[in-house]
Amino acid sequence: MAIKLIKLSIAVVVIAGVVGSSFSTKAYPAFLRKAQKFGAKNCLYCHKQPTGGEGWNERGEWLIAEKERRKADAVDPEWLVDYKEGAKKDAENKEENKKEENKEEPKKKEKPNQ
C-alpha cells in the first residue's frame, strides 16, 4: 500500500511539473534565441510583460509593423538587424515639429498711419 502511495505521489509531482512548465515564458524560445544576437536577454526585449504574449513595447510594435509591411505570415526576429532604437520617437518628434512649423503665427496688427 505504501509503495502505491509513493508511486502516486511521484506521478502527481511529475504531472504538476509538466503542467506548470507549460505556463512558463518559453512560448517562443526560438524567437528569443534569434533575438539574443541583437541584445535580447528575455521576453521584455519586445514585450511589455516578462511572460511575453500580447502587449508589445516599441521594438515589438516595430516587428509587427514590419510583418505587415513585408506581407509576411509571421514575425522574423532577424528583421531586428534593421531596427533603430528610438525610431518611433524620432518619427513622432518630426511629426510634432511639422505641426508646429505649419501653425501660422498670429498676425501682428499694424498701427494705422496718423
C-alpha atoms as a PDB file:
ATOM      1  CA  MET A   1       0.000   0.000   0.000  1.00  0.00           C
ATOM      2  CA  ALA A   2       2.818   2.439   0.885  1.00  0.00           C
ATOM      3  CA  ILE A   3       4.570   1.737  -2.427  1.00  0.00           C
ATOM      4  CA  LYS A   4       1.402   2.600  -4.374  1.00  0.00           C
ATOM      5  CA  LEU A   5       1.077   5.851  -2.416  1.00  0.00           C
ATOM      6  CA  ILE A   6       4.708   6.753  -3.186  1.00  0.00           C
ATOM      7  CA  LYS A   7       4.235   5.975  -6.896  1.00  0.00           C
ATOM      8  CA  LEU A   8       1.032   8.020  -6.966  1.00  0.00           C
ATOM      9  CA  SER A   9       2.777  10.947  -5.234  1.00  0.00           C
ATOM     10  CA  ILE A  10       5.656  10.837  -7.725  1.00  0.00           C
ATOM     11  CA  ALA A  11       3.210  10.742 -10.640  1.00  0.00           C
ATOM     12  CA  VAL A  12       1.318  13.744  -9.263  1.00  0.00           C
ATOM     13  CA  VAL A  13       4.544  15.719  -8.835  1.00  0.00           C
ATOM     14  CA  VAL A  14       5.683  14.886 -12.382  1.00  0.00           C
ATOM     15  CA  ILE A  15       2.313  15.815 -13.880  1.00  0.00           C
ATOM     16  CA  ALA A  16       2.230  19.057 -11.885  1.00  0.00           C
ATOM     17  CA  GLY A  17       5.736  19.880 -13.134  1.00  0.00           C
ATOM     18  CA  VAL A  18       4.804  19.266 -16.753  1.00  0.00           C
ATOM     19  CA  VAL A  19       1.600  21.287 -16.496  1.00  0.00           C
ATOM     20  CA  GLY A  20       3.342  24.081 -14.577  1.00  0.00           C
ATOM     21  CA  SER A  21       6.171  24.345 -17.075  1.00  0.00           C
ATOM     22  CA  SER A  22       3.708  24.763 -19.922  1.00  0.00           C
ATOM     23  CA  PHE A  23       2.764  28.142 -18.437  1.00  0.00           C
ATOM     24  CA  SER A  24       6.322  29.450 -18.420  1.00  0.00           C
ATOM     25  CA  THR A  25       7.818  32.119 -20.679  1.00  0.00           C
ATOM     26  CA  LYS A  26       9.088  29.567 -23.167  1.00  0.00           C
ATOM     27  CA  ALA A  27       6.271  30.157 -25.664  1.00  0.00           C
ATOM     28  CA  TYR A  28       8.661  31.111 -28.485  1.00  0.00           C
ATOM     29  CA  PRO A  29      12.151  30.137 -27.346  1.00  0.00           C
ATOM     30  CA  ALA A  30      13.311  30.167 -30.970  1.00  0.00           C
ATOM     31  CA  PHE A  31      12.408  33.875 -31.185  1.00  0.00           C
ATOM     32  CA  LEU A  32      14.399  34.619 -28.062  1.00  0.00           C
ATOM     33  CA  ARG A  33      17.402  32.635 -29.311  1.00  0.00           C
ATOM     34  CA  LYS A  34      17.371  34.541 -32.604  1.00  0.00           C
ATOM     35  CA  ALA A  35      16.918  37.896 -30.859  1.00  0.00           C
ATOM     36  CA  GLN A  36      19.782  37.256 -28.428  1.00  0.00           C
ATOM     37  CA  LYS A  37      22.326  38.239 -31.062  1.00  0.00           C
ATOM     38  CA  PHE A  38      20.655  41.670 -31.103  1.00  0.00           C
ATOM     39  CA  GLY A  39      20.849  42.003 -27.306  1.00  0.00           C
ATOM     40  CA  ALA A  40      17.723  40.205 -26.046  1.00  0.00           C
ATOM     41  CA  LYS A  41      18.010  38.656 -22.602  1.00  0.00           C
ATOM     42  CA  ASN A  42      14.345  37.810 -22.083  1.00  0.00           C
ATOM     43  CA  CYS A  43      10.861  38.447 -23.483  1.00  0.00           C
ATOM     44  CA  LEU A  44      10.938  42.078 -22.296  1.00  0.00           C
ATOM     45  CA  TYR A  45      13.147  42.818 -25.281  1.00  0.00           C
ATOM     46  CA  CYS A  46       9.985  43.021 -27.411  1.00  0.00           C
ATOM     47  CA  HIS A  47       7.121  42.591 -24.938  1.00  0.00           C
ATOM     48  CA  LYS A  48       5.765  44.663 -22.060  1.00  0.00           C
ATOM     49  CA  GLN A  49       5.229  41.564 -19.897  1.00  0.00           C
ATOM     50  CA  PRO A  50       8.074  39.294 -18.754  1.00  0.00           C
ATOM     51  CA  THR A  51       5.993  36.309 -19.835  1.00  0.00           C
ATOM     52  CA  GLY A  52       5.628  37.608 -23.412  1.00  0.00           C
ATOM     53  CA  GLY A  53       2.212  37.414 -25.019  1.00  0.00           C
ATOM     54  CA  GLU A  54       0.148  40.410 -26.044  1.00  0.00           C
ATOM     55  CA  GLY A  55       1.404  43.843 -25.150  1.00  0.00           C
ATOM     56  CA  TRP A  56       4.471  44.937 -27.067  1.00  0.00           C
ATOM     57  CA  ASN A  57       6.995  47.663 -26.470  1.00  0.00           C
ATOM     58  CA  GLU A  58       8.335  49.891 -29.240  1.00  0.00           C
ATOM     59  CA  ARG A  59      10.570  47.148 -30.636  1.00  0.00           C
ATOM     60  CA  GLY A  60       7.741  44.606 -30.660  1.00  0.00           C
ATOM     61  CA  GLU A  61       5.395  47.050 -32.346  1.00  0.00           C
ATOM     62  CA  TRP A  62       8.077  47.717 -34.948  1.00  0.00           C
ATOM     63  CA  LEU A  63       8.376  43.979 -35.655  1.00  0.00           C
ATOM     64  CA  ILE A  64       4.603  43.698 -36.086  1.00  0.00           C
ATOM     65  CA  ALA A  65       4.614  46.684 -38.446  1.00  0.00           C
ATOM     66  CA  GLU A  66       7.456  45.042 -40.400  1.00  0.00           C
ATOM     67  CA  LYS A  67       5.407  41.869 -40.692  1.00  0.00           C
ATOM     68  CA  GLU A  68       2.583  43.882 -42.250  1.00  0.00           C
ATOM     69  CA  ARG A  69       4.931  45.902 -44.452  1.00  0.00           C
ATOM     70  CA  ARG A  70       6.641  42.748 -45.722  1.00  0.00           C
ATOM     71  CA  LYS A  71       3.321  40.915 -46.036  1.00  0.00           C
ATOM     72  CA  ALA A  72       4.859  38.030 -44.067  1.00  0.00           C
ATOM     73  CA  ASP A  73       2.982  35.225 -42.349  1.00  0.00           C
ATOM     74  CA  ALA A  74       4.991  35.579 -39.136  1.00  0.00           C
ATOM     75  CA  VAL A  75       7.424  37.918 -37.430  1.00  0.00           C
ATOM     76  CA  ASP A  76      11.088  37.114 -38.031  1.00  0.00           C
ATOM     77  CA  PRO A  77      13.482  38.279 -35.294  1.00  0.00           C
ATOM     78  CA  GLU A  78      16.206  38.551 -37.953  1.00  0.00           C
ATOM     79  CA  TRP A  79      14.494  41.764 -39.063  1.00  0.00           C
ATOM     80  CA  LEU A  80      15.893  43.366 -35.904  1.00  0.00           C
ATOM     81  CA  VAL A  81      19.069  43.984 -37.886  1.00  0.00           C
ATOM     82  CA  ASP A  82      17.154  46.907 -39.465  1.00  0.00           C
ATOM     83  CA  TYR A  83      15.628  48.208 -36.221  1.00  0.00           C
ATOM     84  CA  LYS A  84      16.817  51.578 -34.981  1.00  0.00           C
ATOM     85  CA  GLU A  85      16.247  52.325 -31.305  1.00  0.00           C
ATOM     86  CA  GLY A  86      14.023  55.328 -30.811  1.00  0.00           C
ATOM     87  CA  ALA A  87      12.871  55.370 -34.443  1.00  0.00           C
ATOM     88  CA  LYS A  88       9.237  55.697 -33.369  1.00  0.00           C
ATOM     89  CA  LYS A  89      10.069  58.597 -31.062  1.00  0.00           C
ATOM     90  CA  ASP A  90      12.085  60.258 -33.833  1.00  0.00           C
ATOM     91  CA  ALA A  91       9.127  59.925 -36.220  1.00  0.00           C
ATOM     92  CA  GLU A  92       6.740  61.324 -33.596  1.00  0.00           C
ATOM     93  CA  ASN A  93       9.112  64.235 -32.920  1.00  0.00           C
ATOM     94  CA  LYS A  94       9.399  65.008 -36.640  1.00  0.00           C
ATOM     95  CA  GLU A  95       5.607  64.955 -36.958  1.00  0.00           C
ATOM     96  CA  GLU A  96       5.273  67.247 -33.953  1.00  0.00           C
ATOM     97  CA  ASN A  97       7.848  69.652 -35.420  1.00  0.00           C
ATOM     98  CA  LYS A  98       5.993  69.728 -38.736  1.00  0.00           C
ATOM     99  CA  LYS A  99       2.752  70.574 -36.955  1.00  0.00           C
ATOM    100  CA  GLU A 100       4.434  73.384 -35.052  1.00  0.00           C
ATOM    101  CA  GLU A 101       6.052  74.763 -38.220  1.00  0.00           C
ATOM    102  CA  ASN A 102       2.724  74.707 -40.052  1.00  0.00           C
ATOM    103  CA  LYS A 103       0.976  76.714 -37.367  1.00  0.00           C
ATOM    104  CA  GLU A 104       0.607  80.254 -38.506  1.00  0.00           C
ATOM    105  CA  GLU A 105       1.912  82.809 -36.135  1.00  0.00           C
ATOM    106  CA  PRO A 106      -0.749  85.314 -35.175  1.00  0.00           C
ATOM    107  CA  LYS A 107      -0.577  88.330 -37.440  1.00  0.00           C
ATOM    108  CA  LYS A 108       0.512  91.480 -35.729  1.00  0.00           C
ATOM    109  CA  LYS A 109      -1.884  94.348 -36.047  1.00  0.00           C
ATOM    110  CA  GLU A 110      -0.386  97.284 -37.770  1.00  0.00           C
ATOM    111  CA  LYS A 111      -0.838 100.686 -36.303  1.00  0.00           C
ATOM    112  CA  PRO A 112      -2.822 102.995 -38.549  1.00  0.00           C
ATOM    113  CA  ASN A 113      -0.866 105.850 -40.092  1.00  0.00           C
ATOM    114  CA  GLN A 114      -1.565 109.144 -38.453  1.00  0.00           C
END
